[in-house]
Amino acid sequence: MDYRKLDAALGRALGAGDVDPAARDLLVLVRLTEPPSEGQLEQLRRAGVNAAGTGRTVLTGTLSRQDVETLSDQPWVLSLSLSGSRRPL
């Protein structure tokens, strides 16, 4: 896993206790170096990323710890961040 691509909150969530590594329970922002190719889109979809729109470089998805590890090793993934819930101002 390339920990340099993870933000601090996602790093802490990955290290949290006795959690099933295959459980998709992490809401993650995935930043890409460029819009994904068809092959990259398929890999993102398999990981749980909402990759419906092409041409975007910031995508979201509910990923497992295994998915985060796999995506962090891809050279076309710039960074992965844990997404927090938004509150009205």
N, C-alpha and C. Protein backbone atom coordinates (compact mmCIF):
# COMPACT_ATOMS: atom_id res chain seq x y z
N MET A 1 0.86 -1.18 0.00
CA MET A 1 0.00 0.00 0.00
C MET A 1 0.90 1.24 0.00
N ASP A 2 0.52 2.22 -0.80
CA ASP A 2 1.27 3.47 -0.86
C ASP A 2 0.63 4.47 0.10
N TYR A 3 1.16 4.53 1.32
CA TYR A 3 0.59 5.38 2.37
C TYR A 3 0.75 6.86 2.05
N ARG A 4 1.65 7.23 1.16
CA ARG A 4 1.82 8.63 0.79
C ARG A 4 0.58 9.18 0.08
N LYS A 5 -0.24 8.31 -0.48
CA LYS A 5 -1.44 8.74 -1.19
C LYS A 5 -2.65 8.86 -0.28
N LEU A 6 -2.54 8.46 0.97
CA LEU A 6 -3.66 8.47 1.91
C LEU A 6 -3.61 9.70 2.80
N ASP A 7 -4.78 10.27 3.09
CA ASP A 7 -4.80 11.35 4.07
C ASP A 7 -4.77 10.75 5.47
N ALA A 8 -4.55 11.59 6.47
CA ALA A 8 -4.39 11.10 7.85
C ALA A 8 -5.64 10.39 8.35
N ALA A 9 -6.81 10.92 8.04
CA ALA A 9 -8.06 10.31 8.52
C ALA A 9 -8.26 8.92 7.92
N LEU A 10 -7.95 8.75 6.66
CA LEU A 10 -8.08 7.43 6.03
C LEU A 10 -7.05 6.47 6.60
N GLY A 11 -5.85 6.94 6.84
CA GLY A 11 -4.83 6.11 7.46
C GLY A 11 -5.25 5.60 8.83
N ARG A 12 -5.87 6.48 9.62
CA ARG A 12 -6.37 6.05 10.94
C ARG A 12 -7.51 5.04 10.79
N ALA A 13 -8.41 5.27 9.85
CA ALA A 13 -9.54 4.36 9.65
C ALA A 13 -9.05 2.98 9.21
N LEU A 14 -7.99 2.94 8.42
CA LEU A 14 -7.46 1.65 7.97
C LEU A 14 -6.85 0.87 9.12
N GLY A 15 -6.30 1.57 10.10
CA GLY A 15 -5.67 0.91 11.22
C GLY A 15 -6.60 0.60 12.37
N ALA A 16 -7.87 0.93 12.22
CA ALA A 16 -8.84 0.74 13.30
C ALA A 16 -9.13 -0.75 13.54
N GLY A 17 -8.86 -1.19 14.73
CA GLY A 17 -9.24 -2.47 15.31
C GLY A 17 -9.54 -3.67 14.43
N ASP A 18 -10.44 -4.50 14.94
CA ASP A 18 -10.79 -5.76 14.31
C ASP A 18 -11.92 -5.56 13.32
N VAL A 19 -11.58 -5.14 12.11
CA VAL A 19 -12.56 -4.88 11.08
C VAL A 19 -12.28 -5.82 9.91
N ASP A 20 -13.32 -6.36 9.32
CA ASP A 20 -13.18 -7.23 8.15
C ASP A 20 -12.56 -6.42 7.01
N PRO A 21 -11.41 -6.84 6.47
CA PRO A 21 -10.76 -6.07 5.40
C PRO A 21 -11.56 -6.03 4.10
N ALA A 22 -12.55 -6.92 3.94
CA ALA A 22 -13.37 -6.95 2.73
C ALA A 22 -14.67 -6.15 2.89
N ALA A 23 -14.94 -5.67 4.11
CA ALA A 23 -16.18 -4.92 4.35
C ALA A 23 -16.09 -3.54 3.71
N ARG A 24 -17.06 -3.21 2.89
CA ARG A 24 -17.08 -1.90 2.23
C ARG A 24 -17.77 -0.90 3.15
N ASP A 25 -16.97 -0.23 3.95
CA ASP A 25 -17.53 0.69 4.93
C ASP A 25 -16.79 2.02 5.01
N LEU A 26 -15.91 2.29 4.05
CA LEU A 26 -15.16 3.54 4.04
C LEU A 26 -15.62 4.41 2.87
N LEU A 27 -16.17 5.57 3.18
CA LEU A 27 -16.56 6.51 2.13
C LEU A 27 -15.31 7.31 1.76
N VAL A 28 -14.86 7.15 0.51
CA VAL A 28 -13.56 7.65 0.10
C VAL A 28 -13.67 8.54 -1.14
N LEU A 29 -12.90 9.63 -1.14
CA LEU A 29 -12.71 10.46 -2.33
C LEU A 29 -11.45 9.96 -3.04
N VAL A 30 -11.58 9.68 -4.33
CA VAL A 30 -10.46 9.19 -5.12
C VAL A 30 -10.10 10.28 -6.12
N ARG A 31 -8.88 10.77 -6.05
CA ARG A 31 -8.40 11.79 -6.99
C ARG A 31 -7.47 11.12 -7.98
N LEU A 32 -7.73 11.33 -9.27
CA LEU A 32 -6.96 10.70 -10.33
C LEU A 32 -6.04 11.72 -11.00
N THR A 33 -4.99 11.23 -11.63
CA THR A 33 -4.06 12.12 -12.33
C THR A 33 -4.67 12.68 -13.60
N GLU A 34 -5.60 11.95 -14.21
CA GLU A 34 -6.30 12.37 -15.42
C GLU A 34 -7.59 11.59 -15.52
N PRO A 35 -8.52 11.99 -16.39
CA PRO A 35 -9.76 11.22 -16.54
C PRO A 35 -9.44 9.76 -16.85
N PRO A 36 -10.18 8.83 -16.26
CA PRO A 36 -9.85 7.41 -16.39
C PRO A 36 -10.17 6.84 -17.77
N SER A 37 -9.36 5.86 -18.17
CA SER A 37 -9.61 5.09 -19.38
C SER A 37 -10.71 4.07 -19.09
N GLU A 38 -11.15 3.37 -20.10
CA GLU A 38 -12.20 2.35 -19.89
C GLU A 38 -11.73 1.26 -18.93
N GLY A 39 -10.48 0.82 -19.06
CA GLY A 39 -9.94 -0.19 -18.16
C GLY A 39 -9.87 0.29 -16.72
N GLN A 40 -9.46 1.53 -16.56
CA GLN A 40 -9.39 2.12 -15.23
C GLN A 40 -10.79 2.30 -14.64
N LEU A 41 -11.75 2.71 -15.48
CA LEU A 41 -13.14 2.83 -15.01
C LEU A 41 -13.66 1.51 -14.49
N GLU A 42 -13.37 0.43 -15.21
CA GLU A 42 -13.83 -0.89 -14.78
C GLU A 42 -13.20 -1.27 -13.44
N GLN A 43 -11.92 -0.99 -13.27
CA GLN A 43 -11.27 -1.30 -12.00
C GLN A 43 -11.86 -0.46 -10.87
N LEU A 44 -12.15 0.80 -11.13
CA LEU A 44 -12.77 1.66 -10.13
C LEU A 44 -14.15 1.14 -9.75
N ARG A 45 -14.94 0.74 -10.73
CA ARG A 45 -16.29 0.22 -10.45
C ARG A 45 -16.22 -1.05 -9.60
N ARG A 46 -15.29 -1.94 -9.93
CA ARG A 46 -15.14 -3.18 -9.14
C ARG A 46 -14.77 -2.87 -7.70
N ALA A 47 -14.05 -1.78 -7.49
CA ALA A 47 -13.63 -1.39 -6.14
C ALA A 47 -14.76 -0.71 -5.36
N GLY A 48 -15.84 -0.32 -6.04
CA GLY A 48 -16.94 0.34 -5.34
C GLY A 48 -17.01 1.83 -5.57
N VAL A 49 -16.24 2.33 -6.53
CA VAL A 49 -16.24 3.76 -6.82
C VAL A 49 -17.37 4.06 -7.79
N ASN A 50 -18.09 5.16 -7.52
CA ASN A 50 -19.15 5.60 -8.42
C ASN A 50 -18.48 6.27 -9.62
N ALA A 51 -18.25 5.49 -10.67
CA ALA A 51 -17.53 5.98 -11.84
C ALA A 51 -18.47 6.09 -13.03
N ALA A 52 -19.65 6.64 -12.81
CA ALA A 52 -20.65 6.73 -13.88
C ALA A 52 -20.24 7.76 -14.93
N GLY A 53 -19.71 8.89 -14.50
CA GLY A 53 -19.37 9.95 -15.44
C GLY A 53 -17.91 9.88 -15.84
N THR A 54 -17.66 9.90 -17.11
CA THR A 54 -16.28 9.93 -17.56
C THR A 54 -15.82 11.37 -17.65
N GLY A 55 -14.54 11.57 -17.71
CA GLY A 55 -14.01 12.91 -17.81
C GLY A 55 -13.76 13.58 -16.47
N ARG A 56 -14.10 12.92 -15.39
CA ARG A 56 -13.88 13.51 -14.06
C ARG A 56 -12.60 12.95 -13.44
N THR A 57 -11.98 13.75 -12.62
CA THR A 57 -10.76 13.28 -11.95
C THR A 57 -10.94 13.14 -10.44
N VAL A 58 -12.11 13.47 -9.92
CA VAL A 58 -12.43 13.27 -8.51
C VAL A 58 -13.71 12.45 -8.45
N LEU A 59 -13.60 11.28 -7.82
CA LEU A 59 -14.73 10.35 -7.74
C LEU A 59 -14.91 9.93 -6.29
N THR A 60 -16.09 9.43 -5.96
CA THR A 60 -16.35 8.94 -4.61
C THR A 60 -16.81 7.50 -4.67
N GLY A 61 -16.66 6.82 -3.55
CA GLY A 61 -17.15 5.45 -3.48
C GLY A 61 -17.05 4.92 -2.07
N THR A 62 -17.73 3.81 -1.84
CA THR A 62 -17.66 3.12 -0.56
C THR A 62 -16.75 1.92 -0.77
N LEU A 63 -15.57 1.99 -0.19
CA LEU A 63 -14.52 1.02 -0.45
C LEU A 63 -14.21 0.18 0.77
N SER A 64 -13.67 -0.99 0.52
CA SER A 64 -13.14 -1.83 1.59
C SER A 64 -11.68 -1.47 1.80
N ARG A 65 -11.11 -1.97 2.86
CA ARG A 65 -9.69 -1.74 3.10
C ARG A 65 -8.84 -2.35 1.99
N GLN A 66 -9.26 -3.51 1.47
CA GLN A 66 -8.56 -4.14 0.37
C GLN A 66 -8.61 -3.28 -0.89
N ASP A 67 -9.77 -2.67 -1.15
CA ASP A 67 -9.91 -1.80 -2.32
C ASP A 67 -8.99 -0.58 -2.20
N VAL A 68 -8.90 0.00 -1.01
CA VAL A 68 -8.03 1.15 -0.78
C VAL A 68 -6.58 0.74 -1.06
N GLU A 69 -6.20 -0.42 -0.58
CA GLU A 69 -4.83 -0.90 -0.80
C GLU A 69 -4.55 -1.07 -2.29
N THR A 70 -5.47 -1.69 -3.01
CA THR A 70 -5.30 -1.92 -4.44
C THR A 70 -5.21 -0.61 -5.21
N LEU A 71 -6.13 0.31 -4.93
CA LEU A 71 -6.13 1.58 -5.66
C LEU A 71 -4.93 2.45 -5.32
N SER A 72 -4.47 2.39 -4.09
CA SER A 72 -3.33 3.23 -3.70
C SER A 72 -2.06 2.83 -4.46
N ASP A 73 -2.00 1.61 -4.93
CA ASP A 73 -0.83 1.14 -5.66
C ASP A 73 -0.87 1.48 -7.15
N GLN A 74 -1.98 2.04 -7.62
CA GLN A 74 -2.11 2.38 -9.04
C GLN A 74 -1.43 3.72 -9.33
N PRO A 75 -0.61 3.80 -10.37
CA PRO A 75 0.09 5.05 -10.67
C PRO A 75 -0.85 6.17 -11.11
N TRP A 76 -2.02 5.85 -11.60
CA TRP A 76 -2.98 6.86 -12.07
C TRP A 76 -3.87 7.39 -10.95
N VAL A 77 -3.73 6.85 -9.74
CA VAL A 77 -4.45 7.38 -8.57
C VAL A 77 -3.53 8.36 -7.86
N LEU A 78 -3.97 9.60 -7.77
CA LEU A 78 -3.17 10.66 -7.16
C LEU A 78 -3.26 10.62 -5.64
N SER A 79 -4.50 10.51 -5.11
CA SER A 79 -4.67 10.47 -3.65
C SER A 79 -6.02 9.86 -3.30
N LEU A 80 -6.10 9.40 -2.05
CA LEU A 80 -7.32 8.83 -1.48
C LEU A 80 -7.57 9.53 -0.14
N SER A 81 -8.79 10.00 0.06
CA SER A 81 -9.14 10.73 1.28
C SER A 81 -10.43 10.19 1.86
N LEU A 82 -10.46 10.10 3.18
CA LEU A 82 -11.69 9.71 3.85
C LEU A 82 -12.68 10.86 3.75
N SER A 83 -13.87 10.57 3.28
CA SER A 83 -14.89 11.61 3.13
C SER A 83 -15.71 11.68 4.40
N GLY A 84 -15.91 12.87 4.88
CA GLY A 84 -16.74 13.07 6.06
C GLY A 84 -18.13 13.50 5.65
N SER A 85 -19.05 13.38 6.56
CA SER A 85 -20.41 13.84 6.26
C SER A 85 -20.43 15.36 6.29
N ARG A 86 -21.18 15.93 5.40
CA ARG A 86 -21.27 17.39 5.33
C ARG A 86 -22.44 17.87 6.15
N ARG A 87 -22.22 19.02 6.77
CA ARG A 87 -23.28 19.63 7.58
C ARG A 87 -23.61 21.00 7.02
N PRO A 88 -24.84 21.43 7.14
CA PRO A 88 -25.18 22.76 6.66
C PRO A 88 -24.46 23.83 7.48
N LEU A 89 -24.17 24.95 6.84
CA LEU A 89 -23.47 26.03 7.53
C LEU A 89 -24.39 26.79 8.46
